[in-house]
Amino acid sequence: MKARAQLVTQGAVWFHSTSAGGAVLPRVGSGVMIGSRQMRPGVVILGLLVASAACSTSGGASGSHAPMFPPAARAAVDYNGIRVIVPAGWSRNAEKCGTPIEDTVIVDHALEPVEACAVVPRPVSYVWLYSNNNLASDHVALVAMHPGNLQGHAVRRGEDRLPDGRTRTVIVVPEQRFVLVAVSKDQGLARGIAASLRFTPPSLVAVRYHGIQVLVPAEWPRNRLWCDNATPTADTVIIDPGPTLPMPSQDCPERLYPNPVSYVWLRAPANVLDDPEVYVASDPVRLQGHTAARGEDQLSERQPWGSDRRARVVVVVWDLHVVVVAISLDPVVARRIADSVTIV
């Protein structure tokens, strides 16, 4: 009889890299970081940014104009594991017909002006945070052409000037398909806000299933599947929907076919050797005294949204008949989730 999955909040766990072969293990601390190095918790203070630090992390953009607003005037905005500091008085998502209408933070809204609305653009300041699965055709993301590194993540940075004279600073995080756009007539403000970008530790929960435990981001829903229970349509934890996911129906709308989302799939097939993904786990390992196996590869199927190049890491615990599959466009995320598997 299959065990029920249990959720246990993990409020004090860090992922960190050890010096022994880059292995990643959970340890007690004060938060969790997936897909980046260990970092101190807390809000990044723009007042502490200096010119040399900004130059090293912003592809040559000057940091001498970083805004020095006091603590009471700062606000942290979090989006998909990324944090940026903005003036506290800025509104959220104040846009009309794709045009910002006041100093604001736009989160995951499209900013494509609609001509029929006839909204006259104002020279306001704003920050725009969004994700795009096709960065290669994103004309805003293409402003960021200078490669760099931030907290172990590959990033691209760039800056230009809009026709009305405002500075536009852009940072792209390709592995997370994330774009930050800071626009202001005050060049120092735009650059300073962009320089405040940090990767933040998301809260994790432990999912317990059939004698094992794995750590996953707390915001991931459970079994977010659509179209004949076959298609993950958001970052999700799939808990034993069956021995295999059925193929989507031919009547399934194309928009519901697999997007490049991240997910963890926990299952306990009656015969582990018959599992369609167990072959990936080709390296024998010991897991707390249990015989196990682990391996990874890269998906290569063609999908309606393009080539699927997500990383897949598979862990098998033979005597418990458990298979864990972690899939993500960011291989570090898939590996670290797989690294968190423990016996309970």
Protein backbone atom coordinates (compact mmCIF):
# COMPACT_ATOMS: atom_id res chain seq x y z
CA MET A 1 0.00 0.00 0.00
CA LYS A 2 1.47 3.33 -1.02
CA ALA A 3 2.24 5.85 1.66
CA ARG A 4 0.53 9.21 1.64
CA ALA A 5 2.72 12.20 0.88
CA GLN A 6 3.33 14.51 3.81
CA LEU A 7 4.47 18.12 3.77
CA VAL A 8 6.80 19.36 6.47
CA THR A 9 7.79 23.03 6.51
CA GLN A 10 11.54 23.55 6.47
CA GLY A 11 12.14 27.02 7.83
CA ALA A 12 15.86 26.72 8.48
CA VAL A 13 17.64 24.87 5.70
CA TRP A 14 20.36 26.06 3.33
CA PHE A 15 21.59 24.42 0.18
CA HIS A 16 25.35 24.88 0.05
CA SER A 17 28.21 23.53 -2.02
CA THR A 18 30.89 21.54 -0.25
CA SER A 19 34.49 21.43 -1.37
CA ALA A 20 34.36 17.69 -1.97
CA GLY A 21 33.60 17.30 -5.63
CA GLY A 22 30.94 19.98 -5.65
CA ALA A 23 28.43 17.82 -3.78
CA VAL A 24 25.45 19.76 -2.52
CA LEU A 25 23.96 18.87 0.83
CA PRO A 26 21.27 20.40 3.03
CA ARG A 27 22.34 21.86 6.34
CA VAL A 28 20.78 23.86 9.14
CA GLY A 29 21.02 27.60 8.62
CA SER A 30 18.60 30.43 8.04
CA GLY A 31 17.02 29.94 4.64
CA VAL A 32 17.43 28.05 1.36
CA MET A 33 19.09 28.89 -1.93
CA ILE A 34 18.32 26.88 -5.06
CA GLY A 35 20.42 27.49 -8.12
CA SER A 36 23.02 29.79 -6.56
CA ARG A 37 25.68 29.97 -3.94
CA GLN A 38 25.01 30.42 -0.25
CA MET A 39 24.38 34.04 0.62
CA ARG A 40 23.51 35.98 3.70
CA PRO A 41 19.81 36.57 4.25
CA GLY A 42 18.32 40.00 4.46
CA VAL A 43 17.45 42.92 2.29
CA VAL A 44 20.19 44.31 0.09
CA ILE A 45 20.90 47.92 1.06
CA LEU A 46 21.44 50.23 -1.85
CA GLY A 47 23.23 52.71 0.37
CA LEU A 48 26.10 50.23 0.71
CA LEU A 49 26.66 49.89 -3.02
CA VAL A 50 29.97 51.40 -4.09
CA ALA A 51 31.38 52.15 -7.49
CA SER A 52 33.83 49.27 -7.57
CA ALA A 53 31.24 46.67 -6.61
CA ALA A 54 28.78 47.92 -9.16
CA CYS A 55 31.40 47.91 -11.89
CA SER A 56 32.25 44.30 -11.19
CA THR A 57 28.64 43.16 -11.31
CA SER A 58 27.09 45.43 -13.91
CA GLY A 59 29.32 45.06 -16.93
CA GLY A 60 30.96 48.45 -16.56
CA ALA A 61 27.94 50.52 -15.53
CA SER A 62 29.01 53.12 -13.02
CA GLY A 63 27.98 52.50 -9.45
CA SER A 64 28.84 56.01 -8.23
CA HIS A 65 25.24 57.10 -8.84
CA ALA A 66 23.67 54.35 -6.72
CA PRO A 67 20.72 55.98 -4.89
CA MET A 68 21.33 56.64 -1.20
CA PHE A 69 17.75 56.66 0.04
CA PRO A 70 17.31 55.92 3.76
CA PRO A 71 16.00 52.57 5.07
CA ALA A 72 12.48 53.88 5.59
CA ALA A 73 12.33 54.80 1.91
CA ARG A 74 13.32 51.38 0.58
CA ALA A 75 11.18 48.42 -0.38
CA ALA A 76 12.19 44.94 -1.49
CA VAL A 77 10.35 43.34 -4.39
CA ASP A 78 10.64 39.55 -4.74
CA TYR A 79 9.88 37.67 -7.93
CA ASN A 80 10.65 34.01 -8.61
CA GLY A 81 13.67 33.87 -6.30
CA ILE A 82 15.02 37.27 -7.32
CA ARG A 83 14.95 40.42 -5.20
CA VAL A 84 15.38 44.05 -6.21
CA ILE A 85 15.28 47.22 -4.08
CA VAL A 86 13.05 50.12 -5.14
CA PRO A 87 11.80 53.36 -3.58
CA ALA A 88 9.14 52.52 -0.99
CA GLY A 89 6.59 54.94 -2.40
CA TRP A 90 6.35 53.29 -5.78
CA SER A 91 3.05 51.63 -6.64
CA ARG A 92 2.62 48.13 -8.03
CA ASN A 93 1.52 47.41 -11.59
CA ALA A 94 0.34 50.95 -12.29
CA GLU A 95 -0.03 50.64 -16.05
CA LYS A 96 -2.76 51.33 -18.54
CA CYS A 97 -2.89 49.64 -21.91
CA GLY A 98 0.72 48.49 -21.56
CA THR A 99 2.05 51.93 -20.55
CA PRO A 100 3.29 52.82 -17.02
CA ILE A 101 1.34 55.83 -15.78
CA GLU A 102 3.32 56.63 -12.60
CA ASP A 103 6.48 55.58 -10.78
CA THR A 104 5.79 51.89 -10.31
CA VAL A 105 6.98 48.30 -10.19
CA ILE A 106 5.52 46.14 -12.96
CA VAL A 107 5.58 42.43 -12.13
CA ASP A 108 4.88 39.92 -14.88
CA HIS A 109 2.59 42.24 -16.88
CA ALA A 110 3.06 42.88 -20.58
CA LEU A 111 4.30 46.37 -21.43
CA GLU A 112 3.38 46.69 -25.06
CA PRO A 113 1.52 49.97 -25.64
CA VAL A 114 -1.91 49.51 -27.19
CA GLU A 115 -2.39 52.19 -29.83
CA ALA A 116 -6.18 52.04 -29.60
CA CYS A 117 -5.99 53.22 -25.98
CA ALA A 118 -4.21 56.44 -26.93
CA VAL A 119 -2.38 56.63 -23.59
CA VAL A 120 0.20 59.41 -23.75
CA PRO A 121 3.50 58.07 -22.31
CA ARG A 122 4.79 60.05 -19.35
CA PRO A 123 8.49 60.19 -18.37
CA VAL A 124 7.89 58.16 -15.22
CA SER A 125 10.37 55.81 -13.56
CA TYR A 126 9.59 52.13 -13.34
CA VAL A 127 11.01 48.67 -12.83
CA TRP A 128 9.67 45.80 -14.93
CA LEU A 129 10.21 42.21 -13.82
CA TYR A 130 9.07 39.41 -16.10
CA SER A 131 9.86 35.99 -17.53
CA ASN A 132 10.04 35.06 -21.18
CA ASN A 133 10.56 31.57 -22.58
CA ASN A 134 11.91 33.02 -25.84
CA LEU A 135 14.59 35.54 -24.89
CA ALA A 136 16.18 35.35 -28.34
CA SER A 137 13.26 37.26 -29.87
CA ASP A 138 12.68 39.64 -26.92
CA HIS A 139 13.73 43.08 -28.20
CA VAL A 140 14.02 44.44 -24.65
CA ALA A 141 16.14 41.52 -23.41
CA LEU A 142 18.44 41.99 -26.41
CA VAL A 143 19.57 45.31 -24.94
CA ALA A 144 21.56 43.24 -22.44
CA MET A 145 24.52 42.05 -24.53
CA HIS A 146 27.39 42.08 -22.00
CA PRO A 147 27.95 38.70 -20.26
CA GLY A 148 28.76 38.59 -16.56
CA ASN A 149 28.28 36.62 -13.36
CA LEU A 150 26.20 37.33 -10.27
CA GLN A 151 26.26 34.99 -7.26
CA GLY A 152 27.33 32.14 -9.49
CA HIS A 153 24.64 32.77 -12.11
CA ALA A 154 25.39 33.74 -15.69
CA VAL A 155 23.81 37.10 -16.48
CA ARG A 156 23.78 39.62 -19.30
CA ARG A 157 23.66 43.38 -18.81
CA GLY A 158 23.11 46.37 -21.01
CA GLU A 159 21.90 49.93 -21.13
CA ASP A 160 20.49 52.34 -23.69
CA ARG A 161 18.64 55.63 -23.81
CA LEU A 162 14.98 55.92 -24.79
CA PRO A 163 13.88 58.60 -27.30
CA ASP A 164 12.56 60.77 -24.42
CA GLY A 165 15.99 60.76 -22.75
CA ARG A 166 15.32 58.24 -19.99
CA THR A 167 17.97 55.64 -19.19
CA ARG A 168 16.96 52.01 -19.60
CA THR A 169 19.12 49.43 -17.79
CA VAL A 170 18.45 45.74 -18.50
CA ILE A 171 19.65 42.58 -16.76
CA VAL A 172 18.85 39.11 -18.14
CA VAL A 173 19.26 35.82 -16.27
CA PRO A 174 19.13 33.24 -19.10
CA GLU A 175 18.94 30.12 -16.90
CA GLN A 176 15.76 31.46 -15.26
CA ARG A 177 14.41 33.18 -18.39
CA PHE A 178 14.18 36.33 -16.26
CA VAL A 179 14.42 39.98 -17.34
CA LEU A 180 14.77 43.10 -15.18
CA VAL A 181 14.23 46.49 -16.78
CA ALA A 182 14.88 49.71 -14.83
CA VAL A 183 13.83 52.96 -16.52
CA SER A 184 14.27 56.49 -15.19
CA LYS A 185 15.29 59.97 -16.28
CA ASP A 186 17.67 59.73 -13.31
CA GLN A 187 20.43 57.52 -14.71
CA GLY A 188 21.80 56.85 -11.21
CA LEU A 189 18.43 55.59 -10.02
CA ALA A 190 18.03 53.18 -12.94
CA ARG A 191 21.56 51.85 -12.51
CA GLY A 192 21.31 51.61 -8.74
CA ILE A 193 18.07 49.66 -8.81
CA ALA A 194 19.52 47.26 -11.38
CA ALA A 195 22.67 46.87 -9.25
CA SER A 196 20.54 45.87 -6.24
CA LEU A 197 19.38 42.66 -7.95
CA ARG A 198 20.15 39.58 -5.84
CA PHE A 199 19.14 35.95 -5.83
CA THR A 200 17.19 35.26 -2.67
CA PRO A 201 16.71 32.01 -0.74
CA PRO A 202 13.17 30.72 -1.32
CA SER A 203 11.44 28.94 1.51
CA LEU A 204 11.34 25.19 1.07
CA VAL A 205 9.09 22.41 2.23
CA ALA A 206 9.99 18.77 2.62
CA VAL A 207 7.80 16.37 0.69
CA ARG A 208 7.75 12.92 2.31
CA TYR A 209 6.75 9.99 0.19
CA HIS A 210 7.15 6.24 0.58
CA GLY A 211 10.07 6.44 2.99
CA ILE A 212 12.01 9.26 1.32
CA GLN A 213 12.07 13.04 1.67
CA VAL A 214 12.91 15.69 -0.91
CA LEU A 215 13.11 19.48 -0.52
CA VAL A 216 11.18 21.62 -3.00
CA PRO A 217 10.26 25.32 -3.24
CA ALA A 218 7.27 26.03 -1.00
CA GLU A 219 5.41 27.88 -3.74
CA TRP A 220 5.30 24.88 -6.07
CA PRO A 221 1.76 23.48 -6.13
CA ARG A 222 0.98 19.78 -6.06
CA ASN A 223 0.00 17.83 -9.19
CA ARG A 224 -0.54 20.86 -11.42
CA LEU A 225 -1.52 18.76 -14.42
CA TRP A 226 -3.93 19.45 -17.23
CA CYS A 227 -5.23 17.79 -20.38
CA ASP A 228 -5.92 14.12 -19.53
CA ASN A 229 -3.80 14.51 -16.38
CA ALA A 230 -0.78 14.46 -18.66
CA THR A 231 0.83 17.88 -18.85
CA PRO A 232 2.65 19.89 -16.14
CA THR A 233 1.61 23.47 -16.82
CA ALA A 234 3.49 25.16 -13.95
CA ASP A 235 6.44 24.50 -11.68
CA THR A 236 4.99 21.67 -9.62
CA VAL A 237 5.49 18.56 -7.50
CA ILE A 238 3.89 15.50 -9.08
CA ILE A 239 3.09 12.94 -6.39
CA ASP A 240 2.35 9.46 -7.74
CA PRO A 241 -0.33 10.14 -10.39
CA GLY A 242 0.29 6.63 -11.74
CA PRO A 243 3.11 4.51 -13.16
CA THR A 244 3.57 6.88 -16.09
CA LEU A 245 2.04 10.11 -17.27
CA PRO A 246 -0.42 9.35 -20.08
CA MET A 247 0.09 10.98 -23.44
CA PRO A 248 -1.94 14.15 -23.98
CA SER A 249 -5.04 13.72 -26.06
CA GLN A 250 -4.86 14.82 -29.68
CA ASP A 251 -7.64 17.24 -28.78
CA CYS A 252 -5.44 18.88 -26.15
CA PRO A 253 -4.96 22.59 -26.98
CA GLU A 254 -1.40 23.34 -28.01
CA ARG A 255 -1.14 25.95 -25.27
CA LEU A 256 -1.40 23.14 -22.70
CA TYR A 257 1.46 21.08 -24.09
CA PRO A 258 4.55 21.01 -21.87
CA ASN A 259 6.11 24.41 -21.33
CA PRO A 260 9.71 24.45 -20.07
CA VAL A 261 8.54 24.37 -16.47
CA SER A 262 10.42 22.77 -13.59
CA TYR A 263 8.96 19.85 -11.71
CA VAL A 264 9.71 16.98 -9.34
CA TRP A 265 7.96 13.67 -9.91
CA LEU A 266 7.77 11.10 -7.08
CA ARG A 267 6.51 7.62 -7.85
CA ALA A 268 6.77 4.03 -6.59
CA PRO A 269 6.25 1.62 -9.51
CA ALA A 270 5.54 -2.03 -8.72
CA ASN A 271 8.56 -2.98 -10.83
CA VAL A 272 11.20 -0.27 -10.78
CA LEU A 273 13.00 -1.77 -13.75
CA ASP A 274 9.92 -1.13 -15.88
CA ASP A 275 9.98 2.59 -15.09
CA PRO A 276 10.49 4.54 -18.34
CA GLU A 277 13.11 6.88 -16.86
CA VAL A 278 15.05 4.58 -14.55
CA TYR A 279 17.71 4.03 -17.24
CA VAL A 280 18.94 7.60 -16.64
CA ALA A 281 20.10 6.61 -13.13
CA SER A 282 23.16 4.69 -14.32
CA ASP A 283 25.59 5.45 -11.46
CA PRO A 284 25.32 3.25 -8.33
CA VAL A 285 25.38 5.23 -5.05
CA ARG A 286 24.76 4.60 -1.36
CA LEU A 287 22.07 6.70 0.27
CA GLN A 288 22.12 6.42 4.07
CA GLY A 289 22.92 2.74 3.82
CA HIS A 290 20.42 2.06 1.05
CA THR A 291 21.35 0.86 -2.41
CA ALA A 292 20.47 3.57 -4.88
CA ALA A 293 21.40 4.96 -8.27
CA ARG A 294 21.61 8.39 -9.80
CA GLY A 295 22.17 9.92 -13.20
CA GLU A 296 21.31 12.88 -15.40
CA ASP A 297 20.80 13.79 -19.02
CA GLN A 298 19.22 16.52 -21.09
CA LEU A 299 15.83 16.32 -22.73
CA SER A 300 15.90 16.80 -26.48
CA GLU A 301 12.32 16.55 -27.69
CA ARG A 302 10.76 19.10 -29.98
CA GLN A 303 7.84 20.92 -28.34
CA PRO A 304 5.37 23.50 -29.68
CA TRP A 305 7.31 26.21 -27.81
CA GLY A 306 10.68 25.07 -29.23
CA SER A 307 13.44 22.57 -28.43
CA ASP A 308 13.20 21.11 -24.93
CA ARG A 309 16.71 21.38 -23.45
CA ARG A 310 15.80 20.92 -19.79
CA ALA A 311 18.09 18.99 -17.47
CA ARG A 312 16.74 15.74 -15.99
CA VAL A 313 18.19 14.17 -12.84
CA VAL A 314 16.86 10.77 -11.72
CA VAL A 315 17.38 9.13 -8.31
CA VAL A 316 16.29 5.55 -7.66
CA VAL A 317 16.16 3.91 -4.21
CA TRP A 318 15.98 0.24 -5.13
CA ASP A 319 14.78 -1.37 -1.91
CA LEU A 320 12.08 1.26 -1.39
CA HIS A 321 10.95 1.04 -5.04
CA VAL A 322 11.01 4.82 -5.28
CA VAL A 323 11.90 6.91 -8.33
CA VAL A 324 12.53 10.66 -8.07
CA VAL A 325 12.73 12.70 -11.28
CA ALA A 326 13.79 16.37 -11.10
CA ILE A 327 13.50 18.41 -14.30
CA SER A 328 14.43 22.06 -14.82
CA LEU A 329 15.79 24.38 -17.46
CA ASP A 330 18.39 25.31 -14.84
CA PRO A 331 20.50 22.17 -14.27
CA VAL A 332 21.62 23.47 -10.86
CA VAL A 333 18.02 23.47 -9.66
CA ALA A 334 17.44 19.89 -10.82
CA ARG A 335 20.70 18.68 -9.27
CA ARG A 336 20.19 20.34 -5.91
CA ILE A 337 16.65 19.07 -5.57
CA ALA A 338 17.97 15.58 -6.33
CA ASP A 339 20.78 16.15 -3.82
CA SER A 340 18.20 16.81 -1.11
CA VAL A 341 16.74 13.30 -1.28
CA THR A 342 17.08 11.58 2.12
CA ILE A 343 15.69 8.47 3.79
CA VAL A 344 13.17 9.13 6.58
